[in-house]
């Protein structure tokens, strides 16, 4: 895929970022795209798609609810609290 100045100008417009050296950017992006296109030449026949490199899974634990007093501990440090909630000053005026 050839990246030209017109493509760079379109990218510049879409990203709302000014690109000073459009010629250099076009050359750099062309090199990147050419490198990635080389991956299409790899023979992947017979190789199964994978989601991870290693065949290791994350151990899972049972999701069991626990009774905790963390809410009381957290609210104990709040300047104002009532009925399990923080009390904050009103910031929206009617």
PDB file of N, CA and C in Angstrom:
ATOM      1  N   UNK A   1       0.845  -1.172   0.000  1.00  0.00           N
ATOM      2  CA  UNK A   1       0.000   0.000   0.000  1.00  0.00           C
ATOM      3  C   UNK A   1       0.890   1.235   0.000  1.00  0.00           C
ATOM      4  N   UNK A   2       0.661   2.106  -0.939  1.00  0.00           N
ATOM      5  CA  UNK A   2       1.454   3.331  -1.048  1.00  0.00           C
ATOM      6  C   UNK A   2       0.813   4.438  -0.223  1.00  0.00           C
ATOM      7  N   UNK A   3       1.587   5.013   0.656  1.00  0.00           N
ATOM      8  CA  UNK A   3       1.135   6.148   1.447  1.00  0.00           C
ATOM      9  C   UNK A   3       1.676   7.401   0.765  1.00  0.00           C
ATOM     10  N   UNK A   4       0.781   8.269   0.304  1.00  0.00           N
ATOM     11  CA  UNK A   4       1.206   9.487  -0.374  1.00  0.00           C
ATOM     12  C   UNK A   4       0.795  10.718   0.435  1.00  0.00           C
ATOM     13  N   UNK A   5       1.133  11.869  -0.071  1.00  0.00           N
ATOM     14  CA  UNK A   5       0.845  13.133   0.622  1.00  0.00           C
ATOM     15  C   UNK A   5      -0.660  13.312   0.813  1.00  0.00           C
ATOM     16  N   UNK A   6      -1.457  12.893  -0.161  1.00  0.00           N
ATOM     17  CA  UNK A   6      -2.908  13.024  -0.058  1.00  0.00           C
ATOM     18  C   UNK A   6      -3.438  12.204   1.131  1.00  0.00           C
ATOM     19  N   UNK A   7      -2.890  11.003   1.319  1.00  0.00           N
ATOM     20  CA  UNK A   7      -3.282  10.155   2.453  1.00  0.00           C
ATOM     21  C   UNK A   7      -2.874  10.810   3.765  1.00  0.00           C
ATOM     22  N   UNK A   8      -1.684  11.386   3.795  1.00  0.00           N
ATOM     23  CA  UNK A   8      -1.209  12.062   4.999  1.00  0.00           C
ATOM     24  C   UNK A   8      -2.106  13.254   5.328  1.00  0.00           C
ATOM     25  N   UNK A   9      -2.502  14.011   4.314  1.00  0.00           N
ATOM     26  CA  UNK A   9      -3.388  15.153   4.547  1.00  0.00           C
ATOM     27  C   UNK A   9      -4.745  14.702   5.085  1.00  0.00           C
ATOM     28  N   UNK A  10      -5.235  13.559   4.589  1.00  0.00           N
ATOM     29  CA  UNK A  10      -6.499  13.028   5.088  1.00  0.00           C
ATOM     30  C   UNK A  10      -6.346  12.595   6.551  1.00  0.00           C
ATOM     31  N   UNK A  11      -5.251  11.906   6.868  1.00  0.00           N
ATOM     32  CA  UNK A  11      -4.985  11.504   8.249  1.00  0.00           C
ATOM     33  C   UNK A  11      -4.832  12.730   9.155  1.00  0.00           C
ATOM     34  N   UNK A  12      -4.184  13.735   8.641  1.00  0.00           N
ATOM     35  CA  UNK A  12      -3.990  14.974   9.391  1.00  0.00           C
ATOM     36  C   UNK A  12      -5.344  15.605   9.713  1.00  0.00           C
ATOM     37  N   UNK A  13      -6.231  15.615   8.738  1.00  0.00           N
ATOM     38  CA  UNK A  13      -7.565  16.179   8.929  1.00  0.00           C
ATOM     39  C   UNK A  13      -8.379  15.344   9.913  1.00  0.00           C
ATOM     40  N   UNK A  14      -8.357  14.027   9.762  1.00  0.00           N
ATOM     41  CA  UNK A  14      -9.128  13.152  10.643  1.00  0.00           C
ATOM     42  C   UNK A  14      -8.635  13.200  12.084  1.00  0.00           C
ATOM     43  N   UNK A  15      -7.324  13.279  12.263  1.00  0.00           N
ATOM     44  CA  UNK A  15      -6.760  13.263  13.611  1.00  0.00           C
ATOM     45  C   UNK A  15      -6.716  14.657  14.231  1.00  0.00           C
ATOM     46  N   UNK A  16      -6.963  15.668  13.423  1.00  0.00           N
ATOM     47  CA  UNK A  16      -6.907  17.062  13.880  1.00  0.00           C
ATOM     48  C   UNK A  16      -5.542  17.380  14.490  1.00  0.00           C
ATOM     49  N   UNK A  17      -4.493  16.824  13.865  1.00  0.00           N
ATOM     50  CA  UNK A  17      -3.120  17.058  14.281  1.00  0.00           C
ATOM     51  C   UNK A  17      -2.356  17.556  13.067  1.00  0.00           C
ATOM     52  N   UNK A  18      -1.633  18.657  13.236  1.00  0.00           N
ATOM     53  CA  UNK A  18      -0.860  19.193  12.125  1.00  0.00           C
ATOM     54  C   UNK A  18       0.445  18.415  11.981  1.00  0.00           C
ATOM     55  N   UNK A  19       0.693  17.948  10.786  1.00  0.00           N
ATOM     56  CA  UNK A  19       1.925  17.212  10.498  1.00  0.00           C
ATOM     57  C   UNK A  19       2.820  18.144   9.694  1.00  0.00           C
ATOM     58  N   UNK A  20       3.956  18.488  10.272  1.00  0.00           N
ATOM     59  CA  UNK A  20       4.835  19.468   9.632  1.00  0.00           C
ATOM     60  C   UNK A  20       5.548  18.891   8.416  1.00  0.00           C
ATOM     61  N   UNK A  21       6.201  17.758   8.572  1.00  0.00           N
ATOM     62  CA  UNK A  21       6.962  17.168   7.467  1.00  0.00           C
ATOM     63  C   UNK A  21       6.156  16.005   6.878  1.00  0.00           C
ATOM     64  N   UNK A  22       5.251  16.341   5.973  1.00  0.00           N
ATOM     65  CA  UNK A  22       4.341  15.343   5.401  1.00  0.00           C
ATOM     66  C   UNK A  22       5.097  14.298   4.574  1.00  0.00           C
ATOM     67  N   UNK A  23       6.129  14.715   3.891  1.00  0.00           N
ATOM     68  CA  UNK A  23       6.907  13.792   3.056  1.00  0.00           C
ATOM     69  C   UNK A  23       7.585  12.725   3.919  1.00  0.00           C
ATOM     70  N   UNK A  24       8.208  13.153   5.022  1.00  0.00           N
ATOM     71  CA  UNK A  24       8.865  12.200   5.926  1.00  0.00           C
ATOM     72  C   UNK A  24       7.842  11.269   6.565  1.00  0.00           C
ATOM     73  N   UNK A  25       6.693  11.827   6.965  1.00  0.00           N
ATOM     74  CA  UNK A  25       5.639  11.008   7.566  1.00  0.00           C
ATOM     75  C   UNK A  25       5.141   9.972   6.562  1.00  0.00           C
ATOM     76  N   UNK A  26       4.975  10.382   5.306  1.00  0.00           N
ATOM     77  CA  UNK A  26       4.521   9.449   4.266  1.00  0.00           C
ATOM     78  C   UNK A  26       5.532   8.321   4.087  1.00  0.00           C
ATOM     79  N   UNK A  27       6.809   8.656   4.065  1.00  0.00           N
ATOM     80  CA  UNK A  27       7.849   7.634   3.912  1.00  0.00           C
ATOM     81  C   UNK A  27       7.877   6.689   5.111  1.00  0.00           C
ATOM     82  N   UNK A  28       7.783   7.258   6.326  1.00  0.00           N
ATOM     83  CA  UNK A  28       7.799   6.431   7.537  1.00  0.00           C
ATOM     84  C   UNK A  28       6.609   5.481   7.572  1.00  0.00           C
ATOM     85  N   UNK A  29       5.419   5.997   7.280  1.00  0.00           N
ATOM     86  CA  UNK A  29       4.224   5.145   7.289  1.00  0.00           C
ATOM     87  C   UNK A  29       4.291   4.090   6.194  1.00  0.00           C
ATOM     88  N   UNK A  30       4.854   4.445   5.043  1.00  0.00           N
ATOM     89  CA  UNK A  30       5.000   3.464   3.958  1.00  0.00           C
ATOM     90  C   UNK A  30       5.908   2.319   4.399  1.00  0.00           C
ATOM     91  N   UNK A  31       6.997   2.639   5.099  1.00  0.00           N
ATOM     92  CA  UNK A  31       7.905   1.596   5.599  1.00  0.00           C
ATOM     93  C   UNK A  31       7.201   0.694   6.611  1.00  0.00           C
ATOM     94  N   UNK A  32       6.414   1.293   7.495  1.00  0.00           N
ATOM     95  CA  UNK A  32       5.695   0.519   8.512  1.00  0.00           C
ATOM     96  C   UNK A  32       4.691  -0.418   7.862  1.00  0.00           C
ATOM     97  N   UNK A  33       3.904   0.116   6.925  1.00  0.00           N
ATOM     98  CA  UNK A  33       2.887  -0.699   6.252  1.00  0.00           C
ATOM     99  C   UNK A  33       3.553  -1.801   5.432  1.00  0.00           C
ATOM    100  N   UNK A  34       4.662  -1.503   4.787  1.00  0.00           N
ATOM    101  CA  UNK A  34       5.381  -2.520   4.000  1.00  0.00           C
ATOM    102  C   UNK A  34       5.873  -3.648   4.902  1.00  0.00           C
ATOM    103  N   UNK A  35       6.363  -3.292   6.077  1.00  0.00           N
ATOM    104  CA  UNK A  35       6.830  -4.302   7.024  1.00  0.00           C
ATOM    105  C   UNK A  35       5.676  -5.196   7.460  1.00  0.00           C
ATOM    106  N   UNK A  36       4.536  -4.591   7.783  1.00  0.00           N
ATOM    107  CA  UNK A  36       3.385  -5.371   8.231  1.00  0.00           C
ATOM    108  C   UNK A  36       2.864  -6.247   7.090  1.00  0.00           C
ATOM    109  N   UNK A  37       2.902  -5.740   5.865  1.00  0.00           N
ATOM    110  CA  UNK A  37       2.437  -6.537   4.725  1.00  0.00           C
ATOM    111  C   UNK A  37       3.306  -7.771   4.500  1.00  0.00           C
ATOM    112  N   UNK A  38       4.565  -7.730   4.937  1.00  0.00           N
ATOM    113  CA  UNK A  38       5.441  -8.901   4.818  1.00  0.00           C
ATOM    114  C   UNK A  38       4.881 -10.074   5.612  1.00  0.00           C
ATOM    115  N   UNK A  39       4.123  -9.783   6.664  1.00  0.00           N
ATOM    116  CA  UNK A  39       3.543 -10.857   7.469  1.00  0.00           C
ATOM    117  C   UNK A  39       2.550 -11.685   6.663  1.00  0.00           C
ATOM    118  N   UNK A  40       1.954 -11.098   5.628  1.00  0.00           N
ATOM    119  CA  UNK A  40       1.029 -11.846   4.783  1.00  0.00           C
ATOM    120  C   UNK A  40       1.724 -12.956   4.007  1.00  0.00           C
ATOM    121  N   UNK A  41       3.034 -12.844   3.860  1.00  0.00           N
ATOM    122  CA  UNK A  41       3.793 -13.850   3.120  1.00  0.00           C
ATOM    123  C   UNK A  41       4.109 -15.084   3.962  1.00  0.00           C
ATOM    124  N   UNK A  42       3.907 -15.004   5.264  1.00  0.00           N
ATOM    125  CA  UNK A  42       4.185 -16.146   6.136  1.00  0.00           C
ATOM    126  C   UNK A  42       3.204 -17.278   5.870  1.00  0.00           C
ATOM    127  N   UNK A  43       3.725 -18.501   5.837  1.00  0.00           N
ATOM    128  CA  UNK A  43       2.870 -19.671   5.649  1.00  0.00           C
ATOM    129  C   UNK A  43       2.341 -20.103   7.021  1.00  0.00           C
ATOM    130  N   UNK A  44       1.062 -19.858   7.248  1.00  0.00           N
ATOM    131  CA  UNK A  44       0.448 -20.229   8.523  1.00  0.00           C
ATOM    132  C   UNK A  44      -0.474 -21.436   8.372  1.00  0.00           C
ATOM    133  N   UNK A  45      -0.345 -22.146   7.279  1.00  0.00           N
ATOM    134  CA  UNK A  45      -1.158 -23.338   7.037  1.00  0.00           C
ATOM    135  C   UNK A  45      -0.851 -24.380   8.103  1.00  0.00           C
ATOM    136  N   UNK A  46      -1.887 -24.895   8.728  1.00  0.00           N
ATOM    137  CA  UNK A  46      -1.729 -25.932   9.738  1.00  0.00           C
ATOM    138  C   UNK A  46      -1.435 -25.395  11.130  1.00  0.00           C
ATOM    139  N   UNK A  47      -1.368 -24.103  11.281  1.00  0.00           N
ATOM    140  CA  UNK A  47      -1.122 -23.517  12.605  1.00  0.00           C
ATOM    141  C   UNK A  47      -2.450 -23.000  13.135  1.00  0.00           C
ATOM    142  N   UNK A  48      -2.832 -23.515  14.304  1.00  0.00           N
ATOM    143  CA  UNK A  48      -4.108 -23.101  14.884  1.00  0.00           C
ATOM    144  C   UNK A  48      -4.004 -21.698  15.464  1.00  0.00           C
ATOM    145  N   UNK A  49      -5.052 -20.892  15.285  1.00  0.00           N
ATOM    146  CA  UNK A  49      -5.049 -19.564  15.914  1.00  0.00           C
ATOM    147  C   UNK A  49      -5.061 -19.693  17.431  1.00  0.00           C
ATOM    148  N   UNK A  50      -4.349 -18.814  18.097  1.00  0.00           N
ATOM    149  CA  UNK A  50      -4.294 -18.839  19.556  1.00  0.00           C
ATOM    150  C   UNK A  50      -4.564 -17.453  20.116  1.00  0.00           C
ATOM    151  N   UNK A  51      -4.916 -17.419  21.385  1.00  0.00           N
ATOM    152  CA  UNK A  51      -5.132 -16.157  22.067  1.00  0.00           C
ATOM    153  C   UNK A  51      -3.939 -15.779  22.929  1.00  0.00           C
ATOM    154  N   UNK A  52      -3.088 -16.745  23.204  1.00  0.00           N
ATOM    155  CA  UNK A  52      -1.912 -16.481  24.025  1.00  0.00           C
ATOM    156  C   UNK A  52      -0.771 -17.380  23.558  1.00  0.00           C
ATOM    157  N   UNK A  53       0.416 -16.978  23.901  1.00  0.00           N
ATOM    158  CA  UNK A  53       1.601 -17.716  23.464  1.00  0.00           C
ATOM    159  C   UNK A  53       1.783 -18.989  24.272  1.00  0.00           C
ATOM    160  N   UNK A  54       1.607 -18.897  25.580  1.00  0.00           N
ATOM    161  CA  UNK A  54       1.802 -20.050  26.450  1.00  0.00           C
ATOM    162  C   UNK A  54       0.475 -20.758  26.700  1.00  0.00           C
ATOM    163  N   UNK A  55       0.532 -22.046  26.858  1.00  0.00           N
ATOM    164  CA  UNK A  55      -0.671 -22.832  27.132  1.00  0.00           C
ATOM    165  C   UNK A  55      -0.910 -22.882  28.641  1.00  0.00           C
ATOM    166  N   UNK A  56      -1.136 -21.719  29.221  1.00  0.00           N
ATOM    167  CA  UNK A  56      -1.346 -21.601  30.656  1.00  0.00           C
ATOM    168  C   UNK A  56      -2.651 -20.839  30.863  1.00  0.00           C
ATOM    169  N   UNK A  57      -3.456 -21.317  31.772  1.00  0.00           N
ATOM    170  CA  UNK A  57      -4.704 -20.625  32.060  1.00  0.00           C
ATOM    171  C   UNK A  57      -4.621 -19.976  33.431  1.00  0.00           C
ATOM    172  N   UNK A  58      -5.439 -18.988  33.636  1.00  0.00           N
ATOM    173  CA  UNK A  58      -5.494 -18.306  34.916  1.00  0.00           C
ATOM    174  C   UNK A  58      -6.344 -19.124  35.875  1.00  0.00           C
ATOM    175  N   UNK A  59      -5.797 -19.444  37.033  1.00  0.00           N
ATOM    176  CA  UNK A  59      -6.607 -20.209  37.986  1.00  0.00           C
ATOM    177  C   UNK A  59      -7.778 -19.363  38.475  1.00  0.00           C
ATOM    178  N   UNK A  60      -8.930 -19.970  38.546  1.00  0.00           N
ATOM    179  CA  UNK A  60     -10.123 -19.268  38.993  1.00  0.00           C
ATOM    180  C   UNK A  60     -10.468 -19.687  40.410  1.00  0.00           C
ATOM    181  N   UNK A  61     -11.154 -18.833  41.105  1.00  0.00           N
ATOM    182  CA  UNK A  61     -11.616 -19.148  42.444  1.00  0.00           C
ATOM    183  C   UNK A  61     -13.130 -18.990  42.457  1.00  0.00           C
ATOM    184  N   UNK A  62     -13.761 -19.579  43.420  1.00  0.00           N
ATOM    185  CA  UNK A  62     -15.202 -19.438  43.556  1.00  0.00           C
ATOM    186  C   UNK A  62     -15.527 -17.997  43.936  1.00  0.00           C
ATOM    187  N   UNK A  63     -16.575 -17.470  43.359  1.00  0.00           N
ATOM    188  CA  UNK A  63     -17.008 -16.117  43.658  1.00  0.00           C
ATOM    189  C   UNK A  63     -18.006 -16.181  44.810  1.00  0.00           C
ATOM    190  N   UNK A  64     -17.476 -15.993  46.003  1.00  0.00           N
ATOM    191  CA  UNK A  64     -18.308 -16.100  47.189  1.00  0.00           C
ATOM    192  C   UNK A  64     -18.386 -14.745  47.877  1.00  0.00           C
ATOM    193  N   UNK A  65     -19.596 -14.277  48.180  1.00  0.00           N
ATOM    194  CA  UNK A  65     -19.712 -12.996  48.877  1.00  0.00           C
ATOM    195  C   UNK A  65     -19.182 -13.120  50.309  1.00  0.00           C
ATOM    196  N   UNK A  66     -18.483 -12.082  50.738  1.00  0.00           N
ATOM    197  CA  UNK A  66     -17.919 -12.064  52.078  1.00  0.00           C
ATOM    198  C   UNK A  66     -18.502 -10.893  52.854  1.00  0.00           C
ATOM    199  N   UNK A  67     -18.750 -11.114  54.101  1.00  0.00           N
ATOM    200  CA  UNK A  67     -19.223 -10.052  54.974  1.00  0.00           C
ATOM    201  C   UNK A  67     -17.997  -9.243  55.393  1.00  0.00           C
ATOM    202  N   UNK A  68     -18.027  -7.937  55.165  1.00  0.00           N
ATOM    203  CA  UNK A  68     -16.881  -7.111  55.502  1.00  0.00           C
ATOM    204  C   UNK A  68     -17.334  -5.792  56.106  1.00  0.00           C
ATOM    205  N   UNK A  69     -16.456  -5.200  56.849  1.00  0.00           N
ATOM    206  CA  UNK A  69     -16.740  -3.921  57.498  1.00  0.00           C
ATOM    207  C   UNK A  69     -16.008  -2.782  56.797  1.00  0.00           C
ATOM    208  N   UNK A  70     -15.593  -3.005  55.560  1.00  0.00           N
ATOM    209  CA  UNK A  70     -14.794  -2.010  54.855  1.00  0.00           C
ATOM    210  C   UNK A  70     -15.547  -0.701  54.670  1.00  0.00           C
ATOM    211  N   UNK A  71     -16.852  -0.771  54.451  1.00  0.00           N
ATOM    212  CA  UNK A  71     -17.639   0.455  54.254  1.00  0.00           C
ATOM    213  C   UNK A  71     -17.562   1.322  55.503  1.00  0.00           C
ATOM    214  N   UNK A  72     -17.680   0.707  56.667  1.00  0.00           N
ATOM    215  CA  UNK A  72     -17.588   1.468  57.916  1.00  0.00           C
ATOM    216  C   UNK A  72     -16.193   2.076  58.077  1.00  0.00           C
ATOM    217  N   UNK A  73     -15.162   1.322  57.716  1.00  0.00           N
ATOM    218  CA  UNK A  73     -13.790   1.823  57.817  1.00  0.00           C
ATOM    219  C   UNK A  73     -13.575   3.019  56.892  1.00  0.00           C
ATOM    220  N   UNK A  74     -14.080   2.923  55.671  1.00  0.00           N
ATOM    221  CA  UNK A  74     -13.912   4.009  54.704  1.00  0.00           C
ATOM    222  C   UNK A  74     -14.687   5.239  55.148  1.00  0.00           C
ATOM    223  N   UNK A  75     -15.943   5.052  55.525  1.00  0.00           N
ATOM    224  CA  UNK A  75     -16.771   6.184  55.939  1.00  0.00           C
ATOM    225  C   UNK A  75     -16.282   6.820  57.240  1.00  0.00           C
ATOM    226  N   UNK A  76     -15.531   6.084  58.028  1.00  0.00           N
ATOM    227  CA  UNK A  76     -14.987   6.638  59.264  1.00  0.00           C
ATOM    228  C   UNK A  76     -13.987   7.760  58.977  1.00  0.00           C
ATOM    229  N   UNK A  77     -13.385   7.746  57.792  1.00  0.00           N
ATOM    230  CA  UNK A  77     -12.411   8.768  57.407  1.00  0.00           C
ATOM    231  C   UNK A  77     -13.058   9.917  56.643  1.00  0.00           C
ATOM    232  N   UNK A  78     -14.327   9.820  56.325  1.00  0.00           N
ATOM    233  CA  UNK A  78     -15.018  10.863  55.570  1.00  0.00           C
ATOM    234  C   UNK A  78     -15.366  12.025  56.495  1.00  0.00           C
ATOM    235  N   UNK A  79     -15.283  13.262  55.985  1.00  0.00           N
ATOM    236  CA  UNK A  79     -15.674  14.403  56.809  1.00  0.00           C
ATOM    237  C   UNK A  79     -17.139  14.322  57.241  1.00  0.00           C
ATOM    238  N   UNK A  80     -18.019  13.880  56.330  1.00  0.00           N
ATOM    239  CA  UNK A  80     -19.437  13.722  56.664  1.00  0.00           C
ATOM    240  C   UNK A  80     -19.964  12.468  55.985  1.00  0.00           C
ATOM    241  N   UNK A  81     -20.736  11.687  56.718  1.00  0.00           N
ATOM    242  CA  UNK A  81     -21.347  10.483  56.161  1.00  0.00           C
ATOM    243  C   UNK A  81     -22.655  10.223  56.890  1.00  0.00           C
ATOM    244  N   UNK A  82     -23.581   9.602  56.186  1.00  0.00           N
ATOM    245  CA  UNK A  82     -24.864   9.274  56.806  1.00  0.00           C
ATOM    246  C   UNK A  82     -25.455   8.069  56.078  1.00  0.00           C
ATOM    247  N   UNK A  83     -25.938   7.083  56.809  1.00  0.00           N
ATOM    248  CA  UNK A  83     -26.607   5.894  56.263  1.00  0.00           C
ATOM    249  C   UNK A  83     -25.766   5.176  55.200  1.00  0.00           C
ATOM    250  N   UNK A  84     -24.463   5.136  55.388  1.00  0.00           N
ATOM    251  CA  UNK A  84     -23.602   4.401  54.464  1.00  0.00           C
ATOM    252  C   UNK A  84     -23.206   5.182  53.223  1.00  0.00           C
ATOM    253  N   UNK A  85     -23.440   6.494  53.194  1.00  0.00           N
ATOM    254  CA  UNK A  85     -23.115   7.314  52.028  1.00  0.00           C
ATOM    255  C   UNK A  85     -22.268   8.506  52.455  1.00  0.00           C
ATOM    256  N   UNK A  86     -21.458   9.016  51.523  1.00  0.00           N
ATOM    257  CA  UNK A  86     -20.729  10.252  51.745  1.00  0.00           C
ATOM    258  C   UNK A  86     -21.708  11.415  51.612  1.00  0.00           C
ATOM    259  N   UNK A  87     -21.527  12.422  52.425  1.00  0.00           N
ATOM    260  CA  UNK A  87     -22.306  13.645  52.299  1.00  0.00           C
ATOM    261  C   UNK A  87     -21.356  14.714  51.771  1.00  0.00           C
ATOM    262  N   UNK A  88     -21.725  15.299  50.626  1.00  0.00           N
ATOM    263  CA  UNK A  88     -20.884  16.305  49.988  1.00  0.00           C
ATOM    264  C   UNK A  88     -21.694  17.576  49.802  1.00  0.00           C
ATOM    265  N   UNK A  89     -21.010  18.720  49.682  1.00  0.00           N
ATOM    266  CA  UNK A  89     -21.745  19.960  49.472  1.00  0.00           C
ATOM    267  C   UNK A  89     -22.470  19.972  48.126  1.00  0.00           C
ATOM    268  N   UNK A  90     -23.575  20.637  48.062  1.00  0.00           N
ATOM    269  CA  UNK A  90     -24.329  20.767  46.815  1.00  0.00           C
ATOM    270  C   UNK A  90     -23.535  21.668  45.874  1.00  0.00           C
ATOM    271  N   UNK A  91     -23.327  21.199  44.649  1.00  0.00           N
ATOM    272  CA  UNK A  91     -22.555  21.985  43.696  1.00  0.00           C
ATOM    273  C   UNK A  91     -23.382  22.423  42.492  1.00  0.00           C
ATOM    274  N   UNK A  92     -24.574  21.896  42.348  1.00  0.00           N
ATOM    275  CA  UNK A  92     -25.445  22.279  41.232  1.00  0.00           C
ATOM    276  C   UNK A  92     -26.498  23.228  41.777  1.00  0.00           C
ATOM    277  N   UNK A  93     -26.538  24.385  41.186  1.00  0.00           N
ATOM    278  CA  UNK A  93     -27.510  25.377  41.626  1.00  0.00           C
ATOM    279  C   UNK A  93     -28.724  25.334  40.708  1.00  0.00           C
ATOM    280  N   UNK A  94     -29.904  25.555  41.288  1.00  0.00           N
ATOM    281  CA  UNK A  94     -31.132  25.539  40.494  1.00  0.00           C
ATOM    282  C   UNK A  94     -31.412  26.900  39.916  1.00  0.00           C
TER     283      UNK A  94
END
